[in-house]
Amino acid sequence: MRPSGSLNSVVAIRPVAAVIAAEFMRTFTRSAAWIFMPLYLERVRHIPYGFIGLIFTVASMAAFPFALLGGNLIDRLGSRKILLTVSPLLSIVFFSMSFLVYSEARSIYLYAAFISSFPPLATVQATADSVVVTHATELDQRITAFSLTRISANVGFSAGPVLGGALSVLWVTTSYSPCLPSLQSAKRSSIGP
């Protein structure tokens, strides 16, 4: 039997610690793109806010059926297989969006397709994460485990745009190029007030 739901005992559970770290890294790396994409579409691509709002609304609504579908897939295939499949797919989505920005693609439909594919995949990933945490913990540990997971995601979501903005400013002012299309895209798009 595992020890009670103390902070140290929950963090010592390897699958829980992995999910906590993964949530931080995911939200840290995704948040800047998710926040700045509407600004890029409006300011650089000159797409009306109403249409941008429609794209993000449809994308969010597309996630609803995937919560159920993800649960069924996890029951049949297991959370490990789902996580090993969905994570690379989400990487492809983000690299593709970065490439669209970097290459200055004109088709709003390409942007809409990649933006709309993110929430369903992220929903399946979050469901699989919850299954991992639930299976790895005892009942009295779950509140602490899910709280730590949520806190790490929130910290990542807050820190991602801060570091992204700082690197963007550093790159613009010092001509430092880390050769990442997303940072190069930020410079090329000149998003500003």
C-alpha atoms as a PDB file:
ATOM      1  CA  MET A   1       0.000   0.000   0.000  1.00  0.00           C
ATOM      2  CA  ARG A   2       1.229   3.479  -0.883  1.00  0.00           C
ATOM      3  CA  PRO A   3       1.690   6.208   1.728  1.00  0.00           C
ATOM      4  CA  SER A   4      -0.999   8.862   2.215  1.00  0.00           C
ATOM      5  CA  GLY A   5      -1.597  11.849  -0.059  1.00  0.00           C
ATOM      6  CA  SER A   6       1.244  14.052   1.184  1.00  0.00           C
ATOM      7  CA  LEU A   7       3.031  16.211  -1.351  1.00  0.00           C
ATOM      8  CA  ASN A   8       6.284  14.240  -1.185  1.00  0.00           C
ATOM      9  CA  SER A   9       4.580  10.874  -1.467  1.00  0.00           C
ATOM     10  CA  VAL A  10       2.615  11.970  -4.539  1.00  0.00           C
ATOM     11  CA  VAL A  11       5.608  13.509  -6.322  1.00  0.00           C
ATOM     12  CA  ALA A  12       7.590  10.318  -5.583  1.00  0.00           C
ATOM     13  CA  ILE A  13       5.177   8.333  -7.769  1.00  0.00           C
ATOM     14  CA  ARG A  14       7.033   8.246 -11.102  1.00  0.00           C
ATOM     15  CA  PRO A  15       4.025   8.279 -13.473  1.00  0.00           C
ATOM     16  CA  VAL A  16       2.527  11.223 -11.572  1.00  0.00           C
ATOM     17  CA  ALA A  17       5.826  13.116 -11.601  1.00  0.00           C
ATOM     18  CA  ALA A  18       6.092  12.444 -15.355  1.00  0.00           C
ATOM     19  CA  VAL A  19       2.597  13.830 -15.987  1.00  0.00           C
ATOM     20  CA  ILE A  20       3.320  16.892 -13.825  1.00  0.00           C
ATOM     21  CA  ALA A  21       6.535  17.595 -15.764  1.00  0.00           C
ATOM     22  CA  ALA A  22       4.860  16.900 -19.115  1.00  0.00           C
ATOM     23  CA  GLU A  23       1.981  19.274 -18.335  1.00  0.00           C
ATOM     24  CA  PHE A  24       4.447  22.028 -17.501  1.00  0.00           C
ATOM     25  CA  MET A  25       6.484  21.481 -20.660  1.00  0.00           C
ATOM     26  CA  ARG A  26       3.430  21.235 -22.912  1.00  0.00           C
ATOM     27  CA  THR A  27       1.759  24.384 -21.685  1.00  0.00           C
ATOM     28  CA  PHE A  28       5.084  26.227 -21.487  1.00  0.00           C
ATOM     29  CA  THR A  29       5.821  25.546 -25.139  1.00  0.00           C
ATOM     30  CA  ARG A  30       2.273  25.836 -26.511  1.00  0.00           C
ATOM     31  CA  SER A  31       0.973  28.874 -24.664  1.00  0.00           C
ATOM     32  CA  ALA A  32       2.902  31.544 -26.551  1.00  0.00           C
ATOM     33  CA  ALA A  33       1.797  30.193 -29.915  1.00  0.00           C
ATOM     34  CA  TRP A  34      -1.815  29.842 -28.811  1.00  0.00           C
ATOM     35  CA  ILE A  35      -1.901  33.386 -27.435  1.00  0.00           C
ATOM     36  CA  PHE A  36      -0.138  35.103 -30.324  1.00  0.00           C
ATOM     37  CA  MET A  37      -1.709  33.233 -33.249  1.00  0.00           C
ATOM     38  CA  PRO A  38      -4.911  35.356 -33.250  1.00  0.00           C
ATOM     39  CA  LEU A  39      -2.791  38.518 -33.171  1.00  0.00           C
ATOM     40  CA  TYR A  40      -0.683  37.254 -36.036  1.00  0.00           C
ATOM     41  CA  LEU A  41      -3.739  36.358 -38.100  1.00  0.00           C
ATOM     42  CA  GLU A  42      -5.324  39.762 -37.528  1.00  0.00           C
ATOM     43  CA  ARG A  43      -2.302  42.063 -37.735  1.00  0.00           C
ATOM     44  CA  VAL A  44      -0.195  40.329 -40.355  1.00  0.00           C
ATOM     45  CA  ARG A  45      -2.684  38.281 -42.387  1.00  0.00           C
ATOM     46  CA  HIS A  46      -5.442  40.932 -42.004  1.00  0.00           C
ATOM     47  CA  ILE A  47      -8.122  38.405 -41.153  1.00  0.00           C
ATOM     48  CA  PRO A  48     -11.128  39.943 -39.361  1.00  0.00           C
ATOM     49  CA  TYR A  49     -11.418  39.212 -35.637  1.00  0.00           C
ATOM     50  CA  GLY A  50     -14.880  37.742 -36.164  1.00  0.00           C
ATOM     51  CA  PHE A  51     -13.516  35.088 -38.491  1.00  0.00           C
ATOM     52  CA  ILE A  52     -10.601  34.383 -36.159  1.00  0.00           C
ATOM     53  CA  GLY A  53     -13.072  33.996 -33.303  1.00  0.00           C
ATOM     54  CA  LEU A  54     -15.107  31.601 -35.422  1.00  0.00           C
ATOM     55  CA  ILE A  55     -12.011  29.489 -36.142  1.00  0.00           C
ATOM     56  CA  PHE A  56     -11.134  29.226 -32.442  1.00  0.00           C
ATOM     57  CA  THR A  57     -14.764  28.572 -31.466  1.00  0.00           C
ATOM     58  CA  VAL A  58     -15.108  25.742 -33.975  1.00  0.00           C
ATOM     59  CA  ALA A  59     -11.747  24.381 -32.836  1.00  0.00           C
ATOM     60  CA  SER A  60     -12.896  24.339 -29.208  1.00  0.00           C
ATOM     61  CA  MET A  61     -16.248  22.805 -30.060  1.00  0.00           C
ATOM     62  CA  ALA A  62     -14.487  20.084 -32.054  1.00  0.00           C
ATOM     63  CA  ALA A  63     -12.876  18.922 -28.805  1.00  0.00           C
ATOM     64  CA  PHE A  64     -16.174  17.905 -27.162  1.00  0.00           C
ATOM     65  CA  PRO A  65     -16.728  14.597 -28.984  1.00  0.00           C
ATOM     66  CA  PHE A  66     -13.051  13.744 -28.620  1.00  0.00           C
ATOM     67  CA  ALA A  67     -13.355  13.666 -24.836  1.00  0.00           C
ATOM     68  CA  LEU A  68     -15.665  10.663 -25.207  1.00  0.00           C
ATOM     69  CA  LEU A  69     -13.771   9.204 -28.143  1.00  0.00           C
ATOM     70  CA  GLY A  70     -10.485   9.585 -26.252  1.00  0.00           C
ATOM     71  CA  GLY A  71     -11.897   7.761 -23.244  1.00  0.00           C
ATOM     72  CA  ASN A  72     -13.083   4.892 -25.435  1.00  0.00           C
ATOM     73  CA  LEU A  73      -9.753   4.709 -27.245  1.00  0.00           C
ATOM     74  CA  ILE A  74      -7.860   4.685 -23.958  1.00  0.00           C
ATOM     75  CA  ASP A  75     -10.080   1.864 -22.673  1.00  0.00           C
ATOM     76  CA  ARG A  76      -9.338  -0.189 -25.787  1.00  0.00           C
ATOM     77  CA  LEU A  77      -5.705   0.683 -26.501  1.00  0.00           C
ATOM     78  CA  GLY A  78      -4.334   1.922 -23.183  1.00  0.00           C
ATOM     79  CA  SER A  79      -3.124   5.342 -22.140  1.00  0.00           C
ATOM     80  CA  ARG A  80       0.509   4.614 -23.039  1.00  0.00           C
ATOM     81  CA  LYS A  81      -0.265   3.911 -26.709  1.00  0.00           C
ATOM     82  CA  ILE A  82      -2.532   6.938 -26.912  1.00  0.00           C
ATOM     83  CA  LEU A  83       0.089   9.244 -25.384  1.00  0.00           C
ATOM     84  CA  LEU A  84       2.809   7.863 -27.658  1.00  0.00           C
ATOM     85  CA  THR A  85       0.583   8.546 -30.675  1.00  0.00           C
ATOM     86  CA  VAL A  86      -1.009  11.873 -29.766  1.00  0.00           C
ATOM     87  CA  SER A  87       2.164  13.637 -28.612  1.00  0.00           C
ATOM     88  CA  PRO A  88       3.928  13.371 -31.995  1.00  0.00           C
ATOM     89  CA  LEU A  89       0.715  14.372 -33.775  1.00  0.00           C
ATOM     90  CA  LEU A  90       0.493  17.525 -31.674  1.00  0.00           C
ATOM     91  CA  SER A  91       4.133  18.267 -32.439  1.00  0.00           C
ATOM     92  CA  ILE A  92       3.375  17.963 -36.143  1.00  0.00           C
ATOM     93  CA  VAL A  93       0.446  20.376 -35.743  1.00  0.00           C
ATOM     94  CA  PHE A  94       2.607  22.985 -34.020  1.00  0.00           C
ATOM     95  CA  PHE A  95       5.558  22.629 -36.386  1.00  0.00           C
ATOM     96  CA  SER A  96       3.117  22.919 -39.291  1.00  0.00           C
ATOM     97  CA  MET A  97       1.593  26.101 -37.862  1.00  0.00           C
ATOM     98  CA  SER A  98       5.086  27.466 -37.339  1.00  0.00           C
ATOM     99  CA  PHE A  99       5.985  26.623 -40.920  1.00  0.00           C
ATOM    100  CA  LEU A 100       2.812  28.334 -42.189  1.00  0.00           C
ATOM    101  CA  VAL A 101       3.772  31.511 -40.361  1.00  0.00           C
ATOM    102  CA  TYR A 102       7.416  31.313 -41.385  1.00  0.00           C
ATOM    103  CA  SER A 103       6.594  30.713 -45.036  1.00  0.00           C
ATOM    104  CA  GLU A 104       3.961  33.459 -44.923  1.00  0.00           C
ATOM    105  CA  ALA A 105       1.270  31.121 -46.225  1.00  0.00           C
ATOM    106  CA  ARG A 106      -1.751  33.004 -47.506  1.00  0.00           C
ATOM    107  CA  SER A 107      -4.438  30.334 -47.126  1.00  0.00           C
ATOM    108  CA  ILE A 108      -6.619  30.942 -44.093  1.00  0.00           C
ATOM    109  CA  TYR A 109      -7.969  27.424 -44.552  1.00  0.00           C
ATOM    110  CA  LEU A 110      -4.570  25.915 -43.787  1.00  0.00           C
ATOM    111  CA  TYR A 111      -4.306  27.961 -40.592  1.00  0.00           C
ATOM    112  CA  ALA A 112      -7.881  26.997 -39.688  1.00  0.00           C
ATOM    113  CA  ALA A 113      -7.187  23.299 -40.302  1.00  0.00           C
ATOM    114  CA  PHE A 114      -4.167  23.194 -38.011  1.00  0.00           C
ATOM    115  CA  ILE A 115      -5.747  25.419 -35.349  1.00  0.00           C
ATOM    116  CA  SER A 116      -8.857  23.213 -35.376  1.00  0.00           C
ATOM    117  CA  SER A 117      -6.872  19.996 -35.072  1.00  0.00           C
ATOM    118  CA  PHE A 118      -5.163  21.070 -31.854  1.00  0.00           C
ATOM    119  CA  PRO A 119      -8.043  20.998 -29.277  1.00  0.00           C
ATOM    120  CA  PRO A 120      -9.311  17.501 -30.157  1.00  0.00           C
ATOM    121  CA  LEU A 121      -5.824  16.021 -29.917  1.00  0.00           C
ATOM    122  CA  ALA A 122      -5.049  17.950 -26.718  1.00  0.00           C
ATOM    123  CA  THR A 123      -8.322  16.724 -25.201  1.00  0.00           C
ATOM    124  CA  VAL A 124      -7.404  13.102 -25.877  1.00  0.00           C
ATOM    125  CA  GLN A 125      -3.959  13.747 -24.419  1.00  0.00           C
ATOM    126  CA  ALA A 126      -5.423  15.324 -21.267  1.00  0.00           C
ATOM    127  CA  THR A 127      -7.805  12.400 -20.833  1.00  0.00           C
ATOM    128  CA  ALA A 128      -4.905   9.953 -21.101  1.00  0.00           C
ATOM    129  CA  ASP A 129      -2.933  11.990 -18.554  1.00  0.00           C
ATOM    130  CA  SER A 130      -5.859  11.812 -16.146  1.00  0.00           C
ATOM    131  CA  VAL A 131      -6.038   8.050 -16.567  1.00  0.00           C
ATOM    132  CA  VAL A 132      -2.319   7.734 -15.813  1.00  0.00           C
ATOM    133  CA  VAL A 133      -2.650   9.828 -12.640  1.00  0.00           C
ATOM    134  CA  THR A 134      -5.765   7.959 -11.530  1.00  0.00           C
ATOM    135  CA  HIS A 135      -4.206   4.521 -12.036  1.00  0.00           C
ATOM    136  CA  ALA A 136      -0.937   5.506 -10.338  1.00  0.00           C
ATOM    137  CA  THR A 137      -2.488   6.943  -7.163  1.00  0.00           C
ATOM    138  CA  GLU A 138      -4.638   5.834  -4.286  1.00  0.00           C
ATOM    139  CA  LEU A 139      -7.900   7.629  -3.608  1.00  0.00           C
ATOM    140  CA  ASP A 140      -6.420   9.837  -0.840  1.00  0.00           C
ATOM    141  CA  GLN A 141      -3.554  10.933  -3.143  1.00  0.00           C
ATOM    142  CA  ARG A 142      -5.632  12.036  -6.117  1.00  0.00           C
ATOM    143  CA  ILE A 143      -6.555  15.531  -4.954  1.00  0.00           C
ATOM    144  CA  THR A 144      -2.879  16.342  -4.389  1.00  0.00           C
ATOM    145  CA  ALA A 145      -1.805  14.678  -7.651  1.00  0.00           C
ATOM    146  CA  PHE A 146      -4.400  16.464  -9.789  1.00  0.00           C
ATOM    147  CA  SER A 147      -3.743  19.758  -7.995  1.00  0.00           C
ATOM    148  CA  LEU A 148      -0.015  19.538  -8.716  1.00  0.00           C
ATOM    149  CA  THR A 149      -0.735  18.645 -12.334  1.00  0.00           C
ATOM    150  CA  ARG A 150      -2.991  21.673 -12.723  1.00  0.00           C
ATOM    151  CA  ILE A 151      -0.563  24.008 -10.941  1.00  0.00           C
ATOM    152  CA  SER A 152       2.317  22.903 -13.176  1.00  0.00           C
ATOM    153  CA  ALA A 153       0.167  23.497 -16.266  1.00  0.00           C
ATOM    154  CA  ASN A 154      -0.782  26.977 -15.044  1.00  0.00           C
ATOM    155  CA  VAL A 155       2.826  27.886 -14.262  1.00  0.00           C
ATOM    156  CA  GLY A 156       3.869  26.655 -17.697  1.00  0.00           C
ATOM    157  CA  PHE A 157       1.111  28.619 -19.400  1.00  0.00           C
ATOM    158  CA  SER A 158       2.213  31.762 -17.567  1.00  0.00           C
ATOM    159  CA  ALA A 159       5.937  31.335 -18.128  1.00  0.00           C
ATOM    160  CA  GLY A 160       5.801  30.348 -21.803  1.00  0.00           C
ATOM    161  CA  PRO A 161       4.788  33.740 -23.237  1.00  0.00           C
ATOM    162  CA  VAL A 162       7.201  35.538 -20.897  1.00  0.00           C
ATOM    163  CA  LEU A 163      10.194  33.538 -22.123  1.00  0.00           C
ATOM    164  CA  GLY A 164       8.931  33.610 -25.719  1.00  0.00           C
ATOM    165  CA  GLY A 165       8.643  37.392 -25.586  1.00  0.00           C
ATOM    166  CA  ALA A 166      12.062  37.751 -23.969  1.00  0.00           C
ATOM    167  CA  LEU A 167      13.701  35.533 -26.609  1.00  0.00           C
ATOM    168  CA  SER A 168      11.903  37.454 -29.333  1.00  0.00           C
ATOM    169  CA  VAL A 169      13.231  40.758 -28.000  1.00  0.00           C
ATOM    170  CA  LEU A 170      16.711  39.273 -27.540  1.00  0.00           C
ATOM    171  CA  TRP A 171      16.705  37.966 -31.078  1.00  0.00           C
ATOM    172  CA  VAL A 172      15.436  41.226 -32.575  1.00  0.00           C
ATOM    173  CA  THR A 173      17.938  43.373 -30.660  1.00  0.00           C
ATOM    174  CA  THR A 174      21.043  41.191 -30.908  1.00  0.00           C
ATOM    175  CA  SER A 175      20.428  39.384 -34.207  1.00  0.00           C
ATOM    176  CA  TYR A 176      20.706  36.105 -32.304  1.00  0.00           C
ATOM    177  CA  SER A 177      19.007  33.392 -34.334  1.00  0.00           C
ATOM    178  CA  PRO A 178      18.313  30.080 -32.628  1.00  0.00           C
ATOM    179  CA  CYS A 179      17.084  28.842 -36.009  1.00  0.00           C
ATOM    180  CA  LEU A 180      13.627  28.045 -34.716  1.00  0.00           C
ATOM    181  CA  PRO A 181      10.920  28.866 -37.225  1.00  0.00           C
ATOM    182  CA  SER A 182       8.558  30.016 -34.493  1.00  0.00           C
ATOM    183  CA  LEU A 183      10.995  32.671 -33.257  1.00  0.00           C
ATOM    184  CA  GLN A 184      11.895  33.672 -36.781  1.00  0.00           C
ATOM    185  CA  SER A 185       8.193  33.964 -37.533  1.00  0.00           C
ATOM    186  CA  ALA A 186       7.696  36.246 -34.558  1.00  0.00           C
ATOM    187  CA  LYS A 187      10.352  38.602 -35.856  1.00  0.00           C
ATOM    188  CA  ARG A 188       9.039  38.529 -39.425  1.00  0.00           C
ATOM    189  CA  SER A 189       5.451  39.166 -38.392  1.00  0.00           C
ATOM    190  CA  SER A 190       6.365  42.280 -36.365  1.00  0.00           C
ATOM    191  CA  ILE A 191       3.425  41.888 -34.038  1.00  0.00           C
ATOM    192  CA  GLY A 192       3.272  44.983 -31.917  1.00  0.00           C
ATOM    193  CA  PRO A 193       0.993  47.741 -30.697  1.00  0.00           C
END
